[in-house]
Structures are given as structure tokens and as C-alpha cells.
Amino acid sequence: MLTIVFAGAAAVGVYLLLPDSVTGRTTGTSRGVIGRATALLQRYLASAGLTAVSPRHFVLVSVGVGSLAACIAGLSMGPGLPMVAIGLVVACTPAALWRRRGIRRREAVAEAWPRLIEEIRVRVGALGQSIPQALLECGPTAPEALRGSFDAARREWALTTDFRRTVSTLKESLADPTADAVCETLLVVHEVGGDLDERLDSLASDRRTAQRDRREAAARQAGARVARWFVIVVPAGMALAGMSLGEGADAYRSTGGQVASVAAIGLIALCWWWAGRIMEVPVEQRVFER
């Protein structure tokens, strides 16, 4: 049975990797279902900050990691429901790791915004540059993750000299609350007028305060994050100890043992997810999306 399951999973993976000309996936219904599933997965990846990960890469890595974990569980506990449950849970870990990497990338970018705001303020106030020029010339000094967005905005400005469209391009590409606030402030002052120096100074000060508060919150959670690992380590250690004593391994392979193991795995996954949710620092929402 185990061989059939893994053979079927491998066949599905190969089918997804082959082009449509080989597999014959030409019907409108098939394309529609695959297209909707791909679009849904892309929206999920974008909302989690995983824009650099393609849906196919995401699926292949998740299936591969989950299958490997299921194989290891099958060798230690025998084929059955616990093997499937462990495979499904472990298949979610790449998404969590990629999401965490995306959060760290956004945090690093957020740390740079106060400096960029100050640079724009100095360019406009002290150097006498125009607002569009000051904004676009910050691109080369911005973090690597932001330079592509500034390059796209610079191309839009070179083609249209329309600052509103340039700002919209930059906002859409960055998709960041601080970028939205900076772009809207610059756009309003550019079109209506006002004291840009004071507004940018207040915005930079607000961003510094927000970053300091987030760092303080993360520092206070350091001990709780370490303790969170005991949710996995302690039950796993007890399970391994139980299997190594007497007929413990046979007990895990029994019907009752498998049902209890699946329930325990589900509770562990739920506790891990819940602990992560209550420790999560709220993400600032965009208010100038359009």
C-alpha cells in the first residue's frame, strides 16, 4: 500500500512538471481549473510576502519535504495514518520558513525607510531638487529589495513625466504602508503645495518610533519563542522513548495507537500554530492602496 501511495504521488509530480504539449492538457475545463488554482496560490504567496516563489516551486518543495518526512515516519512507526499526518504537517514547513524569510526581508526594508525619507527631505530642502527627482534619485542608495521598484518608477517617469503615474507604479511595486505614506505625501505637496520639510521630518520620526517599538516587542518575546520549541521537542522525545521500550513500537502500530498518534500530532500542530499566532507582532496595514 505504501508503495502505491508514493508511486501515485511521484506520477502526479511528473505530470505537473511536463508541458501541456506532452500531457495533452488542452481542454478549456482543465485549463480553467489549473488557472484558478494557480491564481489562488499566487494570491496566497503574495499575501504571505512570497512573491519570489513560483506556485510550481512552492508545490514541488512542499510535496518533496512532506514525502521525505512521511518516509522517515513510516520507517520508524510503520505505514499508517501517523505517517500521513506527519507528512501533511511537515509539508507546511516550507511555507512557514519562506513566510518568515519574507517578514525578515520586510523588516530590513522598513529599517531603511527613515534614512530614505531624510534623504528626500535633504535633497528637496538643501539641494533644491524637484520632488520627482529627489524621490527617484534615492533608488541607487535604497536596499537591494527596493531598487527594482525604483527602476520601474524611473522608467515610467522618463516615458510619461507624469508624477501621479510614477507614484502609482512605485506604490504598486513596493506594496508597503510606509512607501504608500511617503508617496502620497510627496504627491500632495507636488500637486497642491505645502511644507514638505516638516511633513517628512514628522513621518521619519514616526517610522523610527514604530521600528523601535517592534524591536522591543520582538526582544521581549525571545524567551517565549525558545519555549515554543518544547511543544514539539517534548512530545517527540516521549514518543521515541515509548517506542524504544519493550513492545512500545508494536503499540504505536496498533489501530488504537495510530488513532491516538494522529490526534496527538494534530494537537501538537494546533498548539504550535496557536503559539505563533499569539506571539505575532501585528503587521501594519496599507491605507493608501489606491
C-alpha atoms as a PDB file:
ATOM      1  CA  MET A   1       0.000   0.000   0.000  1.00  0.00           C
ATOM      2  CA  LEU A   2       2.803   2.397   0.903  1.00  0.00           C
ATOM      3  CA  THR A   3       4.500   1.730  -2.441  1.00  0.00           C
ATOM      4  CA  ILE A   4       1.290   2.511  -4.319  1.00  0.00           C
ATOM      5  CA  VAL A   5       0.821   5.819  -2.476  1.00  0.00           C
ATOM      6  CA  PHE A   6       4.350   7.038  -3.211  1.00  0.00           C
ATOM      7  CA  ALA A   7       4.174   5.855  -6.821  1.00  0.00           C
ATOM      8  CA  GLY A   8       0.947   7.816  -7.280  1.00  0.00           C
ATOM      9  CA  ALA A   9       2.473  10.939  -5.724  1.00  0.00           C
ATOM     10  CA  ALA A  10       5.510  10.648  -7.997  1.00  0.00           C
ATOM     11  CA  ALA A  11       3.276  10.236 -11.053  1.00  0.00           C
ATOM     12  CA  VAL A  12       1.292  13.370 -10.165  1.00  0.00           C
ATOM     13  CA  GLY A  13       4.521  15.331  -9.693  1.00  0.00           C
ATOM     14  CA  VAL A  14       5.878  14.245 -13.080  1.00  0.00           C
ATOM     15  CA  TYR A  15       2.540  15.098 -14.707  1.00  0.00           C
ATOM     16  CA  LEU A  16       2.653  18.632 -13.273  1.00  0.00           C
ATOM     17  CA  LEU A  17       6.218  19.147 -14.473  1.00  0.00           C
ATOM     18  CA  LEU A  18       5.582  18.113 -18.086  1.00  0.00           C
ATOM     19  CA  PRO A  19       4.375  20.736 -20.588  1.00  0.00           C
ATOM     20  CA  ASP A  20       0.822  20.697 -21.938  1.00  0.00           C
ATOM     21  CA  SER A  21       2.008  19.525 -25.370  1.00  0.00           C
ATOM     22  CA  VAL A  22       3.211  16.270 -23.813  1.00  0.00           C
ATOM     23  CA  THR A  23       0.416  15.655 -21.323  1.00  0.00           C
ATOM     24  CA  GLY A  24      -2.389  16.706 -23.644  1.00  0.00           C
ATOM     25  CA  ARG A  25      -3.924  19.170 -21.188  1.00  0.00           C
ATOM     26  CA  THR A  26      -5.743  21.192 -23.839  1.00  0.00           C
ATOM     27  CA  THR A  27      -9.359  21.261 -22.685  1.00  0.00           C
ATOM     28  CA  GLY A  28     -10.824  24.536 -21.528  1.00  0.00           C
ATOM     29  CA  THR A  29     -12.113  22.995 -18.301  1.00  0.00           C
ATOM     30  CA  SER A  30      -8.678  21.650 -17.385  1.00  0.00           C
ATOM     31  CA  ARG A  31      -7.009  24.946 -18.159  1.00  0.00           C
ATOM     32  CA  GLY A  32      -9.667  26.809 -16.196  1.00  0.00           C
ATOM     33  CA  VAL A  33      -9.284  24.666 -13.082  1.00  0.00           C
ATOM     34  CA  ILE A  34      -5.485  24.783 -13.204  1.00  0.00           C
ATOM     35  CA  GLY A  35      -5.550  28.531 -13.880  1.00  0.00           C
ATOM     36  CA  ARG A  36      -7.870  29.222 -10.945  1.00  0.00           C
ATOM     37  CA  ALA A  37      -5.807  27.048  -8.625  1.00  0.00           C
ATOM     38  CA  THR A  38      -2.595  28.764  -9.753  1.00  0.00           C
ATOM     39  CA  ALA A  39      -4.121  32.233  -9.318  1.00  0.00           C
ATOM     40  CA  LEU A  40      -5.375  31.318  -5.841  1.00  0.00           C
ATOM     41  CA  LEU A  41      -1.942  30.027  -4.851  1.00  0.00           C
ATOM     42  CA  GLN A  42      -0.272  33.142  -6.281  1.00  0.00           C
ATOM     43  CA  ARG A  43      -2.558  35.373  -4.200  1.00  0.00           C
ATOM     44  CA  TYR A  44      -1.701  33.363  -1.107  1.00  0.00           C
ATOM     45  CA  LEU A  45       2.022  33.624  -1.819  1.00  0.00           C
ATOM     46  CA  ALA A  46       1.725  37.378  -2.411  1.00  0.00           C
ATOM     47  CA  SER A  47      -0.233  37.913   0.819  1.00  0.00           C
ATOM     48  CA  ALA A  48       2.452  35.979   2.706  1.00  0.00           C
ATOM     49  CA  GLY A  49       5.243  38.012   1.119  1.00  0.00           C
ATOM     50  CA  LEU A  50       6.453  35.130  -1.048  1.00  0.00           C
ATOM     51  CA  THR A  51       6.356  36.931  -4.385  1.00  0.00           C
ATOM     52  CA  ALA A  52       9.765  35.497  -5.332  1.00  0.00           C
ATOM     53  CA  VAL A  53       8.458  31.907  -5.058  1.00  0.00           C
ATOM     54  CA  SER A  54       6.582  30.473  -8.036  1.00  0.00           C
ATOM     55  CA  PRO A  55       3.498  28.288  -7.401  1.00  0.00           C
ATOM     56  CA  ARG A  56       5.165  25.276  -9.073  1.00  0.00           C
ATOM     57  CA  HIS A  57       8.305  25.635  -6.963  1.00  0.00           C
ATOM     58  CA  PHE A  58       6.176  26.006  -3.840  1.00  0.00           C
ATOM     59  CA  VAL A  59       4.160  22.857  -4.576  1.00  0.00           C
ATOM     60  CA  LEU A  60       7.191  20.746  -5.526  1.00  0.00           C
ATOM     61  CA  VAL A  61       9.193  21.700  -2.431  1.00  0.00           C
ATOM     62  CA  SER A  62       6.218  21.187  -0.106  1.00  0.00           C
ATOM     63  CA  VAL A  63       5.387  17.784  -1.613  1.00  0.00           C
ATOM     64  CA  GLY A  64       9.047  16.728  -1.545  1.00  0.00           C
ATOM     65  CA  VAL A  65       9.586  17.682   2.090  1.00  0.00           C
ATOM     66  CA  GLY A  66       6.296  16.130   3.156  1.00  0.00           C
ATOM     67  CA  SER A  67       7.055  12.884   1.298  1.00  0.00           C
ATOM     68  CA  LEU A  68      10.501  12.642   2.877  1.00  0.00           C
ATOM     69  CA  ALA A  69       9.051  13.162   6.355  1.00  0.00           C
ATOM     70  CA  ALA A  70       6.358  10.571   5.656  1.00  0.00           C
ATOM     71  CA  CYS A  71       9.015   8.045   4.570  1.00  0.00           C
ATOM     72  CA  ILE A  72      11.018   8.590   7.758  1.00  0.00           C
ATOM     73  CA  ALA A  73       7.868   8.295   9.875  1.00  0.00           C
ATOM     74  CA  GLY A  74       6.874   5.140   8.011  1.00  0.00           C
ATOM     75  CA  LEU A  75      10.246   3.536   8.699  1.00  0.00           C
ATOM     76  CA  SER A  76      10.110   4.335  12.419  1.00  0.00           C
ATOM     77  CA  MET A  77       6.390   3.913  13.166  1.00  0.00           C
ATOM     78  CA  GLY A  78       5.282   1.724  10.294  1.00  0.00           C
ATOM     79  CA  PRO A  79       2.905   2.627   7.469  1.00  0.00           C
ATOM     80  CA  GLY A  80      -0.426   4.066   8.524  1.00  0.00           C
ATOM     81  CA  LEU A  81      -2.287   7.213   9.499  1.00  0.00           C
ATOM     82  CA  PRO A  82       0.528   8.752  11.619  1.00  0.00           C
ATOM     83  CA  MET A  83       2.848   8.594   8.617  1.00  0.00           C
ATOM     84  CA  VAL A  84       0.316  10.525   6.507  1.00  0.00           C
ATOM     85  CA  ALA A  85      -0.363  13.044   9.294  1.00  0.00           C
ATOM     86  CA  ILE A  86       3.334  13.741   9.823  1.00  0.00           C
ATOM     87  CA  GLY A  87       3.845  14.144   6.075  1.00  0.00           C
ATOM     88  CA  LEU A  88       0.991  16.661   5.830  1.00  0.00           C
ATOM     89  CA  VAL A  89       2.221  18.679   8.808  1.00  0.00           C
ATOM     90  CA  VAL A  90       5.839  18.761   7.637  1.00  0.00           C
ATOM     91  CA  ALA A  91       4.694  19.728   4.126  1.00  0.00           C
ATOM     92  CA  CYS A  92       3.563  23.051   5.633  1.00  0.00           C
ATOM     93  CA  THR A  93       7.032  23.911   6.954  1.00  0.00           C
ATOM     94  CA  PRO A  94       8.451  25.338   3.679  1.00  0.00           C
ATOM     95  CA  ALA A  95       5.584  27.848   3.568  1.00  0.00           C
ATOM     96  CA  ALA A  96       6.287  28.869   7.163  1.00  0.00           C
ATOM     97  CA  LEU A  97      10.024  29.225   6.518  1.00  0.00           C
ATOM     98  CA  TRP A  98       9.506  31.247   3.335  1.00  0.00           C
ATOM     99  CA  ARG A  99       6.966  33.435   5.098  1.00  0.00           C
ATOM    100  CA  ARG A 100       9.404  34.063   7.945  1.00  0.00           C
ATOM    101  CA  ARG A 101      12.102  34.960   5.423  1.00  0.00           C
ATOM    102  CA  GLY A 102       9.701  37.403   3.766  1.00  0.00           C
ATOM    103  CA  ILE A 103       8.916  39.006   7.128  1.00  0.00           C
ATOM    104  CA  ARG A 104      12.614  39.471   7.862  1.00  0.00           C
ATOM    105  CA  ARG A 105      13.134  40.995   4.430  1.00  0.00           C
ATOM    106  CA  ARG A 106      10.279  43.453   5.005  1.00  0.00           C
ATOM    107  CA  GLU A 107      11.684  44.322   8.428  1.00  0.00           C
ATOM    108  CA  ALA A 108      15.093  45.049   6.902  1.00  0.00           C
ATOM    109  CA  VAL A 109      13.456  47.253   4.274  1.00  0.00           C
ATOM    110  CA  ALA A 110      11.393  49.051   6.929  1.00  0.00           C
ATOM    111  CA  GLU A 111      14.585  49.853   8.831  1.00  0.00           C
ATOM    112  CA  ALA A 112      15.863  51.756   5.783  1.00  0.00           C
ATOM    113  CA  TRP A 113      12.812  53.963   5.237  1.00  0.00           C
ATOM    114  CA  PRO A 114      13.635  56.653   7.867  1.00  0.00           C
ATOM    115  CA  ARG A 115      17.011  57.171   6.175  1.00  0.00           C
ATOM    116  CA  LEU A 116      15.399  57.373   2.725  1.00  0.00           C
ATOM    117  CA  ILE A 117      12.825  59.875   3.988  1.00  0.00           C
ATOM    118  CA  GLU A 118      15.593  62.033   5.435  1.00  0.00           C
ATOM    119  CA  GLU A 119      17.495  61.802   2.154  1.00  0.00           C
ATOM    120  CA  ILE A 120      14.450  63.004   0.194  1.00  0.00           C
ATOM    121  CA  ARG A 121      13.979  65.859   2.663  1.00  0.00           C
ATOM    122  CA  VAL A 122      17.613  66.953   2.307  1.00  0.00           C
ATOM    123  CA  ARG A 123      17.547  66.696  -1.489  1.00  0.00           C
ATOM    124  CA  VAL A 124      14.436  68.868  -1.742  1.00  0.00           C
ATOM    125  CA  GLY A 125      15.255  71.332   1.039  1.00  0.00           C
ATOM    126  CA  ALA A 126      19.047  71.723   0.990  1.00  0.00           C
ATOM    127  CA  LEU A 127      19.921  70.734  -2.585  1.00  0.00           C
ATOM    128  CA  GLY A 128      16.883  72.321  -4.217  1.00  0.00           C
ATOM    129  CA  GLN A 129      15.928  69.288  -6.285  1.00  0.00           C
ATOM    130  CA  SER A 130      12.389  68.791  -7.524  1.00  0.00           C
ATOM    131  CA  ILE A 131      10.222  66.285  -5.677  1.00  0.00           C
ATOM    132  CA  PRO A 132      10.215  63.702  -8.523  1.00  0.00           C
ATOM    133  CA  GLN A 133      13.985  63.977  -8.930  1.00  0.00           C
ATOM    134  CA  ALA A 134      14.609  63.665  -5.187  1.00  0.00           C
ATOM    135  CA  LEU A 135      12.390  60.588  -4.947  1.00  0.00           C
ATOM    136  CA  LEU A 136      13.861  58.763  -7.939  1.00  0.00           C
ATOM    137  CA  GLU A 137      17.488  59.513  -7.097  1.00  0.00           C
ATOM    138  CA  CYS A 138      17.043  57.703  -3.787  1.00  0.00           C
ATOM    139  CA  GLY A 139      16.775  54.440  -5.715  1.00  0.00           C
ATOM    140  CA  PRO A 140      20.514  53.686  -6.035  1.00  0.00           C
ATOM    141  CA  THR A 141      21.014  54.179  -2.277  1.00  0.00           C
ATOM    142  CA  ALA A 142      17.962  52.106  -1.311  1.00  0.00           C
ATOM    143  CA  PRO A 143      18.228  48.474  -0.143  1.00  0.00           C
ATOM    144  CA  GLU A 144      18.579  45.865  -2.870  1.00  0.00           C
ATOM    145  CA  ALA A 145      14.967  44.739  -2.403  1.00  0.00           C
ATOM    146  CA  LEU A 146      13.692  48.227  -3.326  1.00  0.00           C
ATOM    147  CA  ARG A 147      15.909  49.075  -6.294  1.00  0.00           C
ATOM    148  CA  GLY A 148      13.866  47.195  -8.870  1.00  0.00           C
ATOM    149  CA  SER A 149      10.756  49.142  -7.861  1.00  0.00           C
ATOM    150  CA  PHE A 150      12.598  52.459  -8.100  1.00  0.00           C
ATOM    151  CA  ASP A 151      13.953  51.468 -11.516  1.00  0.00           C
ATOM    152  CA  ALA A 152      10.405  50.766 -12.736  1.00  0.00           C
ATOM    153  CA  ALA A 153       9.243  54.142 -11.409  1.00  0.00           C
ATOM    154  CA  ARG A 154      12.194  55.864 -13.087  1.00  0.00           C
ATOM    155  CA  ARG A 155      11.263  54.301 -16.434  1.00  0.00           C
ATOM    156  CA  GLU A 156       7.652  55.414 -16.003  1.00  0.00           C
ATOM    157  CA  TRP A 157       8.789  58.979 -15.284  1.00  0.00           C
ATOM    158  CA  ALA A 158      11.135  59.003 -18.283  1.00  0.00           C
ATOM    159  CA  LEU A 159       8.312  57.874 -20.589  1.00  0.00           C
ATOM    160  CA  THR A 160       5.418  59.976 -19.274  1.00  0.00           C
ATOM    161  CA  THR A 161       6.773  62.686 -16.903  1.00  0.00           C
ATOM    162  CA  ASP A 162       3.513  62.069 -15.034  1.00  0.00           C
ATOM    163  CA  PHE A 163       4.318  62.091 -11.330  1.00  0.00           C
ATOM    164  CA  ARG A 164       0.966  60.599 -10.318  1.00  0.00           C
ATOM    165  CA  ARG A 165       1.510  57.577 -12.576  1.00  0.00           C
ATOM    166  CA  THR A 166       5.105  57.314 -11.379  1.00  0.00           C
ATOM    167  CA  VAL A 167       3.971  57.276  -7.761  1.00  0.00           C
ATOM    168  CA  SER A 168       1.281  54.693  -8.556  1.00  0.00           C
ATOM    169  CA  THR A 169       3.882  52.455 -10.198  1.00  0.00           C
ATOM    170  CA  LEU A 170       6.170  52.728  -7.190  1.00  0.00           C
ATOM    171  CA  LYS A 171       3.355  52.079  -4.698  1.00  0.00           C
ATOM    172  CA  GLU A 172       2.059  49.072  -6.601  1.00  0.00           C
ATOM    173  CA  SER A 173       5.518  47.542  -6.867  1.00  0.00           C
ATOM    174  CA  LEU A 174       6.555  48.137  -3.253  1.00  0.00           C
ATOM    175  CA  ALA A 175       3.163  47.311  -1.635  1.00  0.00           C
ATOM    176  CA  ASP A 176       4.378  48.750   1.660  1.00  0.00           C
ATOM    177  CA  PRO A 177       2.497  51.023   4.137  1.00  0.00           C
ATOM    178  CA  THR A 178       5.472  53.332   4.663  1.00  0.00           C
ATOM    179  CA  ALA A 179       6.047  53.633   0.916  1.00  0.00           C
ATOM    180  CA  ASP A 180       2.363  54.490   0.489  1.00  0.00           C
ATOM    181  CA  ALA A 181       2.583  57.253   3.099  1.00  0.00           C
ATOM    182  CA  VAL A 182       5.780  58.709   1.609  1.00  0.00           C
ATOM    183  CA  CYS A 183       4.458  58.625  -1.961  1.00  0.00           C
ATOM    184  CA  GLU A 184       1.109  60.178  -1.034  1.00  0.00           C
ATOM    185  CA  THR A 185       2.834  62.930   0.963  1.00  0.00           C
ATOM    186  CA  LEU A 186       5.144  63.761  -1.934  1.00  0.00           C
ATOM    187  CA  LEU A 187       2.273  63.668  -4.435  1.00  0.00           C
ATOM    188  CA  VAL A 188       0.054  66.016  -2.403  1.00  0.00           C
ATOM    189  CA  VAL A 189       2.847  68.545  -1.851  1.00  0.00           C
ATOM    190  CA  HIS A 190       3.870  68.294  -5.517  1.00  0.00           C
ATOM    191  CA  GLU A 191       0.331  68.993  -6.757  1.00  0.00           C
ATOM    192  CA  VAL A 192      -1.075  71.253  -4.020  1.00  0.00           C
ATOM    193  CA  GLY A 193       1.953  72.656  -2.217  1.00  0.00           C
ATOM    194  CA  GLY A 194       2.828  72.846   1.459  1.00  0.00           C
ATOM    195  CA  ASP A 195       5.663  72.450   3.927  1.00  0.00           C
ATOM    196  CA  LEU A 196       7.314  69.242   2.759  1.00  0.00           C
ATOM    197  CA  ASP A 197      10.251  69.522   5.165  1.00  0.00           C
ATOM    198  CA  GLU A 198       8.056  69.443   8.266  1.00  0.00           C
ATOM    199  CA  ARG A 199       5.856  66.637   6.968  1.00  0.00           C
ATOM    200  CA  LEU A 200       8.784  64.390   6.027  1.00  0.00           C
ATOM    201  CA  ASP A 201      10.502  65.075   9.343  1.00  0.00           C
ATOM    202  CA  SER A 202       7.349  64.018  11.225  1.00  0.00           C
ATOM    203  CA  LEU A 203       6.982  60.922   9.042  1.00  0.00           C
ATOM    204  CA  ALA A 204      10.609  59.875   9.594  1.00  0.00           C
ATOM    205  CA  SER A 205      10.222  60.345  13.352  1.00  0.00           C
ATOM    206  CA  ASP A 206       7.039  58.260  13.332  1.00  0.00           C
ATOM    207  CA  ARG A 207       8.770  55.453  11.402  1.00  0.00           C
ATOM    208  CA  ARG A 208      11.686  55.421  13.856  1.00  0.00           C
ATOM    209  CA  THR A 209       9.286  55.153  16.789  1.00  0.00           C
ATOM    210  CA  ALA A 210       7.372  52.312  15.128  1.00  0.00           C
ATOM    211  CA  GLN A 211      10.566  50.373  14.385  1.00  0.00           C
ATOM    212  CA  ARG A 212      11.827  50.859  17.942  1.00  0.00           C
ATOM    213  CA  ASP A 213       8.537  49.557  19.357  1.00  0.00           C
ATOM    214  CA  ARG A 214       8.618  46.493  17.078  1.00  0.00           C
ATOM    215  CA  ARG A 215      12.206  45.691  18.066  1.00  0.00           C
ATOM    216  CA  GLU A 216      11.293  45.987  21.742  1.00  0.00           C
ATOM    217  CA  ALA A 217       8.289  43.686  21.297  1.00  0.00           C
ATOM    218  CA  ALA A 218      10.420  41.107  19.468  1.00  0.00           C
ATOM    219  CA  ALA A 219      13.098  41.239  22.191  1.00  0.00           C
ATOM    220  CA  ARG A 220      10.537  40.604  24.914  1.00  0.00           C
ATOM    221  CA  GLN A 221       9.296  37.521  23.063  1.00  0.00           C
ATOM    222  CA  ALA A 222      12.726  35.881  22.751  1.00  0.00           C
ATOM    223  CA  GLY A 223      12.213  33.577  25.734  1.00  0.00           C
ATOM    224  CA  ALA A 224       8.711  32.613  24.622  1.00  0.00           C
ATOM    225  CA  ARG A 225       9.980  31.718  21.148  1.00  0.00           C
ATOM    226  CA  VAL A 226      12.556  29.350  22.640  1.00  0.00           C
ATOM    227  CA  ALA A 227       9.925  27.804  24.913  1.00  0.00           C
ATOM    228  CA  ARG A 228       7.674  27.279  21.887  1.00  0.00           C
ATOM    229  CA  TRP A 229      10.034  24.595  20.578  1.00  0.00           C
ATOM    230  CA  PHE A 230       9.215  22.450  23.622  1.00  0.00           C
ATOM    231  CA  VAL A 231       5.753  21.966  22.067  1.00  0.00           C
ATOM    232  CA  ILE A 232       7.495  19.720  19.507  1.00  0.00           C
ATOM    233  CA  VAL A 233      10.616  18.503  21.312  1.00  0.00           C
ATOM    234  CA  VAL A 234       8.927  17.104  24.445  1.00  0.00           C
ATOM    235  CA  PRO A 235       6.188  15.023  22.719  1.00  0.00           C
ATOM    236  CA  ALA A 236       8.651  13.786  20.089  1.00  0.00           C
ATOM    237  CA  GLY A 237      11.107  12.717  22.783  1.00  0.00           C
ATOM    238  CA  MET A 238       8.394  10.921  24.730  1.00  0.00           C
ATOM    239  CA  ALA A 239       7.226   9.129  21.570  1.00  0.00           C
ATOM    240  CA  LEU A 240      10.748   7.956  20.732  1.00  0.00           C
ATOM    241  CA  ALA A 241      11.292   6.796  24.293  1.00  0.00           C
ATOM    242  CA  GLY A 242       7.996   4.912  24.250  1.00  0.00           C
ATOM    243  CA  MET A 243       8.829   3.113  21.007  1.00  0.00           C
ATOM    244  CA  SER A 244      12.221   2.030  22.325  1.00  0.00           C
ATOM    245  CA  LEU A 245      10.826   0.359  25.461  1.00  0.00           C
ATOM    246  CA  GLY A 246       9.566  -3.216  25.304  1.00  0.00           C
ATOM    247  CA  GLU A 247       6.653  -3.601  22.919  1.00  0.00           C
ATOM    248  CA  GLY A 248       6.137   0.137  22.556  1.00  0.00           C
ATOM    249  CA  ALA A 249       6.730   0.101  18.814  1.00  0.00           C
ATOM    250  CA  ASP A 250       4.017  -2.535  18.347  1.00  0.00           C
ATOM    251  CA  ALA A 251       1.627  -0.444  20.422  1.00  0.00           C
ATOM    252  CA  TYR A 252       2.119   2.516  18.079  1.00  0.00           C
ATOM    253  CA  ARG A 253       1.345   0.274  15.094  1.00  0.00           C
ATOM    254  CA  SER A 254      -1.955  -0.933  16.555  1.00  0.00           C
ATOM    255  CA  THR A 255      -5.250   0.640  15.480  1.00  0.00           C
ATOM    256  CA  GLY A 256      -5.748   2.444  18.779  1.00  0.00           C
ATOM    257  CA  GLY A 257      -2.146   3.601  18.810  1.00  0.00           C
ATOM    258  CA  GLN A 258      -2.423   5.036  15.312  1.00  0.00           C
ATOM    259  CA  VAL A 259      -5.631   6.919  16.136  1.00  0.00           C
ATOM    260  CA  ALA A 260      -4.066   8.321  19.314  1.00  0.00           C
ATOM    261  CA  SER A 261      -0.900   9.262  17.408  1.00  0.00           C
ATOM    262  CA  VAL A 262      -2.869  11.152  14.753  1.00  0.00           C
ATOM    263  CA  ALA A 263      -4.807  13.021  17.458  1.00  0.00           C
ATOM    264  CA  ALA A 264      -1.554  13.903  19.242  1.00  0.00           C
ATOM    265  CA  ILE A 265       0.084  15.099  16.021  1.00  0.00           C
ATOM    266  CA  GLY A 266      -2.941  17.272  15.275  1.00  0.00           C
ATOM    267  CA  LEU A 267      -2.889  18.793  18.774  1.00  0.00           C
ATOM    268  CA  ILE A 268       0.853  19.486  18.549  1.00  0.00           C
ATOM    269  CA  ALA A 269       0.415  21.225  15.193  1.00  0.00           C
ATOM    270  CA  LEU A 270      -2.519  23.236  16.572  1.00  0.00           C
ATOM    271  CA  CYS A 271      -0.563  24.306  19.674  1.00  0.00           C
ATOM    272  CA  TRP A 272       2.436  25.305  17.538  1.00  0.00           C
ATOM    273  CA  TRP A 273       0.240  27.385  15.228  1.00  0.00           C
ATOM    274  CA  TRP A 274      -1.651  28.976  18.126  1.00  0.00           C
ATOM    275  CA  ALA A 275       1.560  29.876  19.974  1.00  0.00           C
ATOM    276  CA  GLY A 276       2.887  31.526  16.826  1.00  0.00           C
ATOM    277  CA  ARG A 277      -0.325  33.500  16.348  1.00  0.00           C
ATOM    278  CA  ILE A 278      -0.426  34.959  19.848  1.00  0.00           C
ATOM    279  CA  MET A 279       3.251  35.977  19.644  1.00  0.00           C
ATOM    280  CA  GLU A 280       2.960  37.560  16.207  1.00  0.00           C
ATOM    281  CA  VAL A 281       3.566  41.315  16.155  1.00  0.00           C
ATOM    282  CA  PRO A 282       0.696  42.898  14.175  1.00  0.00           C
ATOM    283  CA  VAL A 283       1.611  43.862  10.627  1.00  0.00           C
ATOM    284  CA  GLU A 284       0.872  47.439   9.651  1.00  0.00           C
ATOM    285  CA  GLN A 285      -1.912  47.579   7.076  1.00  0.00           C
ATOM    286  CA  ARG A 286      -1.903  49.665   3.920  1.00  0.00           C
ATOM    287  CA  VAL A 287      -4.316  52.624   3.928  1.00  0.00           C
ATOM    288  CA  PHE A 288      -3.273  54.328   0.651  1.00  0.00           C
ATOM    289  CA  GLU A 289      -3.502  51.281  -1.599  1.00  0.00           C
ATOM    290  CA  ARG A 290      -5.224  53.120  -4.430  1.00  0.00           C
END
